PDB file of N, CA and C in Angstrom:
ATOM      1  N   UNK A   1      -7.344  -1.473  18.035  1.00  0.00           N
ATOM      2  CA  UNK A   1      -6.128  -1.085  17.374  1.00  0.00           C
ATOM      3  C   UNK A   1      -5.176  -0.409  18.345  1.00  0.00           C
ATOM      4  N   UNK A   2      -3.898  -0.710  18.202  1.00  0.00           N
ATOM      5  CA  UNK A   2      -2.908  -0.077  19.056  1.00  0.00           C
ATOM      6  C   UNK A   2      -2.667   1.351  18.589  1.00  0.00           C
ATOM      7  N   UNK A   3      -2.239   2.166  19.496  1.00  0.00           N
ATOM      8  CA  UNK A   3      -1.942   3.550  19.155  1.00  0.00           C
ATOM      9  C   UNK A   3      -0.467   3.813  19.350  1.00  0.00           C
ATOM     10  N   UNK A   4       0.056   4.682  18.494  1.00  0.00           N
ATOM     11  CA  UNK A   4       1.447   5.083  18.653  1.00  0.00           C
ATOM     12  C   UNK A   4       1.570   5.934  19.902  1.00  0.00           C
ATOM     13  N   UNK A   5       2.669   5.799  20.581  1.00  0.00           N
ATOM     14  CA  UNK A   5       2.891   6.548  21.807  1.00  0.00           C
ATOM     15  C   UNK A   5       3.075   8.036  21.531  1.00  0.00           C
ATOM     16  N   UNK A   6       3.784   8.401  20.461  1.00  0.00           N
ATOM     17  CA  UNK A   6       4.145   9.789  20.228  1.00  0.00           C
ATOM     18  C   UNK A   6       2.951  10.697  19.996  1.00  0.00           C
ATOM     19  N   UNK A   7       2.077  10.328  19.075  1.00  0.00           N
ATOM     20  CA  UNK A   7       1.047  11.259  18.663  1.00  0.00           C
ATOM     21  C   UNK A   7      -0.368  10.674  18.686  1.00  0.00           C
ATOM     22  N   UNK A   8      -0.540   9.546  19.301  1.00  0.00           N
ATOM     23  CA  UNK A   8      -1.851   8.914  19.456  1.00  0.00           C
ATOM     24  C   UNK A   8      -2.586   8.661  18.152  1.00  0.00           C
ATOM     25  N   UNK A   9      -1.859   8.497  17.056  1.00  0.00           N
ATOM     26  CA  UNK A   9      -2.484   8.135  15.789  1.00  0.00           C
ATOM     27  C   UNK A   9      -2.572   6.614  15.743  1.00  0.00           C
ATOM     28  N   UNK A  10      -3.783   6.070  15.526  1.00  0.00           N
ATOM     29  CA  UNK A  10      -3.892   4.612  15.449  1.00  0.00           C
ATOM     30  C   UNK A  10      -3.128   4.086  14.233  1.00  0.00           C
ATOM     31  N   UNK A  11      -2.554   2.915  14.383  1.00  0.00           N
ATOM     32  CA  UNK A  11      -1.831   2.299  13.278  1.00  0.00           C
ATOM     33  C   UNK A  11      -2.672   1.174  12.705  1.00  0.00           C
ATOM     34  N   UNK A  12      -2.734   1.069  11.372  1.00  0.00           N
ATOM     35  CA  UNK A  12      -3.482  -0.040  10.774  1.00  0.00           C
ATOM     36  C   UNK A  12      -2.797  -1.367  11.063  1.00  0.00           C
ATOM     37  N   UNK A  13      -3.574  -2.403  11.130  1.00  0.00           N
ATOM     38  CA  UNK A  13      -3.015  -3.736  11.348  1.00  0.00           C
ATOM     39  C   UNK A  13      -2.264  -4.189  10.113  1.00  0.00           C
ATOM     40  N   UNK A  14      -1.250  -5.016  10.296  1.00  0.00           N
ATOM     41  CA  UNK A  14      -0.546  -5.557   9.125  1.00  0.00           C
ATOM     42  C   UNK A  14      -1.477  -6.447   8.307  1.00  0.00           C
ATOM     43  N   UNK A  15      -1.182  -6.557   7.034  1.00  0.00           N
ATOM     44  CA  UNK A  15      -1.968  -7.436   6.164  1.00  0.00           C
ATOM     45  C   UNK A  15      -1.644  -8.879   6.545  1.00  0.00           C
ATOM     46  N   UNK A  16      -2.667  -9.679   6.747  1.00  0.00           N
ATOM     47  CA  UNK A  16      -2.450 -11.067   7.159  1.00  0.00           C
ATOM     48  C   UNK A  16      -1.822 -11.881   6.027  1.00  0.00           C
ATOM     49  N   UNK A  17      -1.179 -12.954   6.402  1.00  0.00           N
ATOM     50  CA  UNK A  17      -0.561 -13.841   5.409  1.00  0.00           C
ATOM     51  C   UNK A  17      -1.603 -14.408   4.456  1.00  0.00           C
ATOM     52  N   UNK A  18      -2.788 -14.741   4.972  1.00  0.00           N
ATOM     53  CA  UNK A  18      -3.869 -15.254   4.117  1.00  0.00           C
ATOM     54  C   UNK A  18      -4.285 -14.215   3.080  1.00  0.00           C
ATOM     55  N   UNK A  19      -4.405 -12.967   3.511  1.00  0.00           N
ATOM     56  CA  UNK A  19      -4.785 -11.911   2.577  1.00  0.00           C
ATOM     57  C   UNK A  19      -3.684 -11.634   1.561  1.00  0.00           C
ATOM     58  N   UNK A  20      -2.436 -11.708   1.988  1.00  0.00           N
ATOM     59  CA  UNK A  20      -1.333 -11.541   1.040  1.00  0.00           C
ATOM     60  C   UNK A  20      -1.321 -12.654   0.002  1.00  0.00           C
ATOM     61  N   UNK A  21      -1.594 -13.865   0.447  1.00  0.00           N
ATOM     62  CA  UNK A  21      -1.654 -14.999  -0.472  1.00  0.00           C
ATOM     63  C   UNK A  21      -2.779 -14.795  -1.491  1.00  0.00           C
ATOM     64  N   UNK A  22      -3.944 -14.372  -1.007  1.00  0.00           N
ATOM     65  CA  UNK A  22      -5.074 -14.115  -1.892  1.00  0.00           C
ATOM     66  C   UNK A  22      -4.750 -12.989  -2.869  1.00  0.00           C
ATOM     67  N   UNK A  23      -4.137 -11.921  -2.379  1.00  0.00           N
ATOM     68  CA  UNK A  23      -3.756 -10.805  -3.231  1.00  0.00           C
ATOM     69  C   UNK A  23      -2.786 -11.266  -4.313  1.00  0.00           C
ATOM     70  N   UNK A  24      -1.825 -12.088  -3.927  1.00  0.00           N
ATOM     71  CA  UNK A  24      -0.850 -12.606  -4.893  1.00  0.00           C
ATOM     72  C   UNK A  24      -1.559 -13.425  -5.983  1.00  0.00           C
ATOM     73  N   UNK A  25      -2.507 -14.260  -5.586  1.00  0.00           N
ATOM     74  CA  UNK A  25      -3.255 -15.068  -6.554  1.00  0.00           C
ATOM     75  C   UNK A  25      -4.080 -14.189  -7.491  1.00  0.00           C
ATOM     76  N   UNK A  26      -4.763 -13.199  -6.930  1.00  0.00           N
ATOM     77  CA  UNK A  26      -5.581 -12.304  -7.747  1.00  0.00           C
ATOM     78  C   UNK A  26      -4.735 -11.502  -8.731  1.00  0.00           C
ATOM     79  N   UNK A  27      -3.594 -11.039  -8.269  1.00  0.00           N
ATOM     80  CA  UNK A  27      -2.693 -10.295  -9.154  1.00  0.00           C
ATOM     81  C   UNK A  27      -2.206 -11.186 -10.282  1.00  0.00           C
ATOM     82  N   UNK A  28      -1.860 -12.412  -9.944  1.00  0.00           N
ATOM     83  CA  UNK A  28      -1.384 -13.356 -10.947  1.00  0.00           C
ATOM     84  C   UNK A  28      -2.470 -13.639 -11.987  1.00  0.00           C
ATOM     85  N   UNK A  29      -3.689 -13.872 -11.531  1.00  0.00           N
ATOM     86  CA  UNK A  29      -4.811 -14.145 -12.437  1.00  0.00           C
ATOM     87  C   UNK A  29      -5.125 -12.949 -13.329  1.00  0.00           C
ATOM     88  N   UNK A  30      -4.905 -11.747 -12.800  1.00  0.00           N
ATOM     89  CA  UNK A  30      -5.254 -10.522 -13.528  1.00  0.00           C
ATOM     90  C   UNK A  30      -4.103  -9.956 -14.337  1.00  0.00           C
ATOM     91  N   UNK A  31      -2.917 -10.535 -14.189  1.00  0.00           N
ATOM     92  CA  UNK A  31      -1.749 -10.036 -14.909  1.00  0.00           C
ATOM     93  C   UNK A  31      -1.243  -8.706 -14.379  1.00  0.00           C
ATOM     94  N   UNK A  32      -1.436  -8.489 -13.078  1.00  0.00           N
ATOM     95  CA  UNK A  32      -1.013  -7.250 -12.433  1.00  0.00           C
ATOM     96  C   UNK A  32       0.163  -7.571 -11.517  1.00  0.00           C
ATOM     97  N   UNK A  33       1.129  -6.659 -11.475  1.00  0.00           N
ATOM     98  CA  UNK A  33       2.308  -6.883 -10.649  1.00  0.00           C
ATOM     99  C   UNK A  33       1.952  -6.813  -9.158  1.00  0.00           C
ATOM    100  N   UNK A  34       2.212  -7.896  -8.456  1.00  0.00           N
ATOM    101  CA  UNK A  34       1.899  -7.981  -7.029  1.00  0.00           C
ATOM    102  C   UNK A  34       2.602  -6.895  -6.219  1.00  0.00           C
ATOM    103  N   UNK A  35       3.895  -6.691  -6.473  1.00  0.00           N
ATOM    104  CA  UNK A  35       4.656  -5.717  -5.682  1.00  0.00           C
ATOM    105  C   UNK A  35       4.112  -4.298  -5.847  1.00  0.00           C
ATOM    106  N   UNK A  36       3.679  -3.970  -7.051  1.00  0.00           N
ATOM    107  CA  UNK A  36       3.113  -2.640  -7.279  1.00  0.00           C
ATOM    108  C   UNK A  36       1.820  -2.465  -6.498  1.00  0.00           C
ATOM    109  N   UNK A  37       0.945  -3.458  -6.567  1.00  0.00           N
ATOM    110  CA  UNK A  37      -0.319  -3.380  -5.834  1.00  0.00           C
ATOM    111  C   UNK A  37      -0.057  -3.330  -4.334  1.00  0.00           C
ATOM    112  N   UNK A  38       0.866  -4.139  -3.865  1.00  0.00           N
ATOM    113  CA  UNK A  38       1.209  -4.144  -2.439  1.00  0.00           C
ATOM    114  C   UNK A  38       1.753  -2.784  -2.008  1.00  0.00           C
ATOM    115  N   UNK A  39       2.613  -2.191  -2.832  1.00  0.00           N
ATOM    116  CA  UNK A  39       3.141  -0.863  -2.512  1.00  0.00           C
ATOM    117  C   UNK A  39       2.036   0.188  -2.474  1.00  0.00           C
ATOM    118  N   UNK A  40       1.088   0.105  -3.408  1.00  0.00           N
ATOM    119  CA  UNK A  40      -0.036   1.044  -3.408  1.00  0.00           C
ATOM    120  C   UNK A  40      -0.891   0.857  -2.144  1.00  0.00           C
ATOM    121  N   UNK A  41      -1.155  -0.385  -1.784  1.00  0.00           N
ATOM    122  CA  UNK A  41      -1.927  -0.651  -0.560  1.00  0.00           C
ATOM    123  C   UNK A  41      -1.183  -0.168   0.683  1.00  0.00           C
ATOM    124  N   UNK A  42       0.109  -0.400   0.730  1.00  0.00           N
ATOM    125  CA  UNK A  42       0.904   0.073   1.864  1.00  0.00           C
ATOM    126  C   UNK A  42       0.849   1.595   1.972  1.00  0.00           C
ATOM    127  N   UNK A  43       0.837   2.264   0.829  1.00  0.00           N
ATOM    128  CA  UNK A  43       0.748   3.724   0.824  1.00  0.00           C
ATOM    129  C   UNK A  43      -0.598   4.179   1.350  1.00  0.00           C
ATOM    130  N   UNK A  44      -1.670   3.534   0.911  1.00  0.00           N
ATOM    131  CA  UNK A  44      -3.004   3.867   1.426  1.00  0.00           C
ATOM    132  C   UNK A  44      -3.040   3.675   2.932  1.00  0.00           C
ATOM    133  N   UNK A  45      -2.474   2.585   3.400  1.00  0.00           N
ATOM    134  CA  UNK A  45      -2.472   2.297   4.838  1.00  0.00           C
ATOM    135  C   UNK A  45      -1.640   3.313   5.603  1.00  0.00           C
ATOM    136  N   UNK A  46      -0.533   3.761   4.998  1.00  0.00           N
ATOM    137  CA  UNK A  46       0.334   4.750   5.642  1.00  0.00           C
ATOM    138  C   UNK A  46      -0.414   6.069   5.883  1.00  0.00           C
ATOM    139  N   UNK A  47      -1.281   6.422   4.957  1.00  0.00           N
ATOM    140  CA  UNK A  47      -2.013   7.682   5.051  1.00  0.00           C
ATOM    141  C   UNK A  47      -3.392   7.523   5.711  1.00  0.00           C
ATOM    142  N   UNK A  48      -3.782   6.320   6.055  1.00  0.00           N
ATOM    143  CA  UNK A  48      -5.157   6.017   6.472  1.00  0.00           C
ATOM    144  C   UNK A  48      -5.669   6.865   7.633  1.00  0.00           C
ATOM    145  N   UNK A  49      -4.869   7.091   8.621  1.00  0.00           N
ATOM    146  CA  UNK A  49      -5.356   7.772   9.819  1.00  0.00           C
ATOM    147  C   UNK A  49      -4.866   9.215   9.933  1.00  0.00           C
ATOM    148  N   UNK A  50      -4.347   9.738   8.852  1.00  0.00           N
ATOM    149  CA  UNK A  50      -3.896  11.125   8.872  1.00  0.00           C
ATOM    150  C   UNK A  50      -5.075  12.058   8.598  1.00  0.00           C
ATOM    151  N   UNK A  51      -5.076  13.186   9.251  1.00  0.00           N
ATOM    152  CA  UNK A  51      -6.122  14.165   8.984  1.00  0.00           C
ATOM    153  C   UNK A  51      -6.048  14.650   7.555  1.00  0.00           C
ATOM    154  N   UNK A  52      -4.841  14.930   7.117  1.00  0.00           N
ATOM    155  CA  UNK A  52      -4.615  15.370   5.740  1.00  0.00           C
ATOM    156  C   UNK A  52      -3.708  14.353   5.067  1.00  0.00           C
ATOM    157  N   UNK A  53      -4.074  14.029   3.877  1.00  0.00           N
ATOM    158  CA  UNK A  53      -3.302  13.028   3.140  1.00  0.00           C
ATOM    159  C   UNK A  53      -2.422  13.684   2.077  1.00  0.00           C
ATOM    160  N   UNK A  54      -1.858  14.805   2.444  1.00  0.00           N
ATOM    161  CA  UNK A  54      -1.009  15.548   1.519  1.00  0.00           C
ATOM    162  C   UNK A  54       0.160  14.673   1.094  1.00  0.00           C
ATOM    163  N   UNK A  55       0.301  14.531  -0.220  1.00  0.00           N
ATOM    164  CA  UNK A  55       1.406  13.753  -0.767  1.00  0.00           C
ATOM    165  C   UNK A  55       1.033  12.365  -1.234  1.00  0.00           C
ATOM    166  N   UNK A  56      -0.188  11.913  -0.946  1.00  0.00           N
ATOM    167  CA  UNK A  56      -0.552  10.543  -1.307  1.00  0.00           C
ATOM    168  C   UNK A  56      -0.554  10.346  -2.816  1.00  0.00           C
ATOM    169  N   UNK A  57      -1.064  11.314  -3.569  1.00  0.00           N
ATOM    170  CA  UNK A  57      -1.106  11.166  -5.020  1.00  0.00           C
ATOM    171  C   UNK A  57       0.297  11.156  -5.613  1.00  0.00           C
ATOM    172  N   UNK A  58       1.163  11.982  -5.071  1.00  0.00           N
ATOM    173  CA  UNK A  58       2.549  11.985  -5.534  1.00  0.00           C
ATOM    174  C   UNK A  58       3.202  10.635  -5.267  1.00  0.00           C
ATOM    175  N   UNK A  59       2.905  10.049  -4.105  1.00  0.00           N
ATOM    176  CA  UNK A  59       3.428   8.717  -3.792  1.00  0.00           C
ATOM    177  C   UNK A  59       2.886   7.676  -4.765  1.00  0.00           C
ATOM    178  N   UNK A  60       1.584   7.764  -5.094  1.00  0.00           N
ATOM    179  CA  UNK A  60       0.989   6.837  -6.072  1.00  0.00           C
ATOM    180  C   UNK A  60       1.700   6.958  -7.420  1.00  0.00           C
ATOM    181  N   UNK A  61       1.892   8.195  -7.864  1.00  0.00           N
ATOM    182  CA  UNK A  61       2.537   8.436  -9.157  1.00  0.00           C
ATOM    183  C   UNK A  61       3.947   7.870  -9.164  1.00  0.00           C
ATOM    184  N   UNK A  62       4.675   8.069  -8.076  1.00  0.00           N
ATOM    185  CA  UNK A  62       6.040   7.542  -7.971  1.00  0.00           C
ATOM    186  C   UNK A  62       6.050   6.013  -8.066  1.00  0.00           C
ATOM    187  N   UNK A  63       5.123   5.362  -7.381  1.00  0.00           N
ATOM    188  CA  UNK A  63       5.043   3.898  -7.407  1.00  0.00           C
ATOM    189  C   UNK A  63       4.705   3.407  -8.810  1.00  0.00           C
ATOM    190  N   UNK A  64       3.724   4.029  -9.432  1.00  0.00           N
ATOM    191  CA  UNK A  64       3.300   3.608 -10.770  1.00  0.00           C
ATOM    192  C   UNK A  64       4.406   3.867 -11.789  1.00  0.00           C
ATOM    193  N   UNK A  65       5.043   5.035 -11.714  1.00  0.00           N
ATOM    194  CA  UNK A  65       6.147   5.330 -12.639  1.00  0.00           C
ATOM    195  C   UNK A  65       7.295   4.353 -12.455  1.00  0.00           C
ATOM    196  N   UNK A  66       7.596   4.009 -11.230  1.00  0.00           N
ATOM    197  CA  UNK A  66       8.650   3.049 -10.947  1.00  0.00           C
ATOM    198  C   UNK A  66       8.320   1.687 -11.579  1.00  0.00           C
ATOM    199  N   UNK A  67       7.057   1.282 -11.465  1.00  0.00           N
ATOM    200  CA  UNK A  67       6.604   0.029 -12.057  1.00  0.00           C
ATOM    201  C   UNK A  67       6.733   0.084 -13.574  1.00  0.00           C
ATOM    202  N   UNK A  68       6.335   1.200 -14.162  1.00  0.00           N
ATOM    203  CA  UNK A  68       6.423   1.344 -15.626  1.00  0.00           C
ATOM    204  C   UNK A  68       7.870   1.315 -16.104  1.00  0.00           C
ATOM    205  N   UNK A  69       8.761   1.934 -15.342  1.00  0.00           N
ATOM    206  CA  UNK A  69      10.179   1.952 -15.718  1.00  0.00           C
ATOM    207  C   UNK A  69      10.785   0.558 -15.703  1.00  0.00           C
ATOM    208  N   UNK A  70      10.374  -0.274 -14.768  1.00  0.00           N
ATOM    209  CA  UNK A  70      10.933  -1.631 -14.691  1.00  0.00           C
ATOM    210  C   UNK A  70      10.401  -2.516 -15.815  1.00  0.00           C
ATOM    211  N   UNK A  71       9.271  -2.140 -16.390  1.00  0.00           N
ATOM    212  CA  UNK A  71       8.672  -2.946 -17.452  1.00  0.00           C
ATOM    213  C   UNK A  71       9.143  -2.545 -18.844  1.00  0.00           C
ATOM    214  N   UNK A  72       9.830  -1.407 -18.966  1.00  0.00           N
ATOM    215  CA  UNK A  72      10.264  -0.962 -20.298  1.00  0.00           C
ATOM    216  C   UNK A  72      11.736  -1.187 -20.503  1.00  0.00           C
TER     217      UNK A  72
END
């Protein structure tokens, strides 16, 4: 894995196109919004290599609330 120059925190690899395609299919089969799941996964990846994940739950809540607002 490559490391950022500034603070030597490793960065997660991008999700491959094959995995995105599979995720899209699974979301479709399950009736789950792909963009919401992708945003949640991106958030997990953003916090993956941090010592403290302060704020991750708030980010999850924001994503889920945003999804709920678009559906009502």
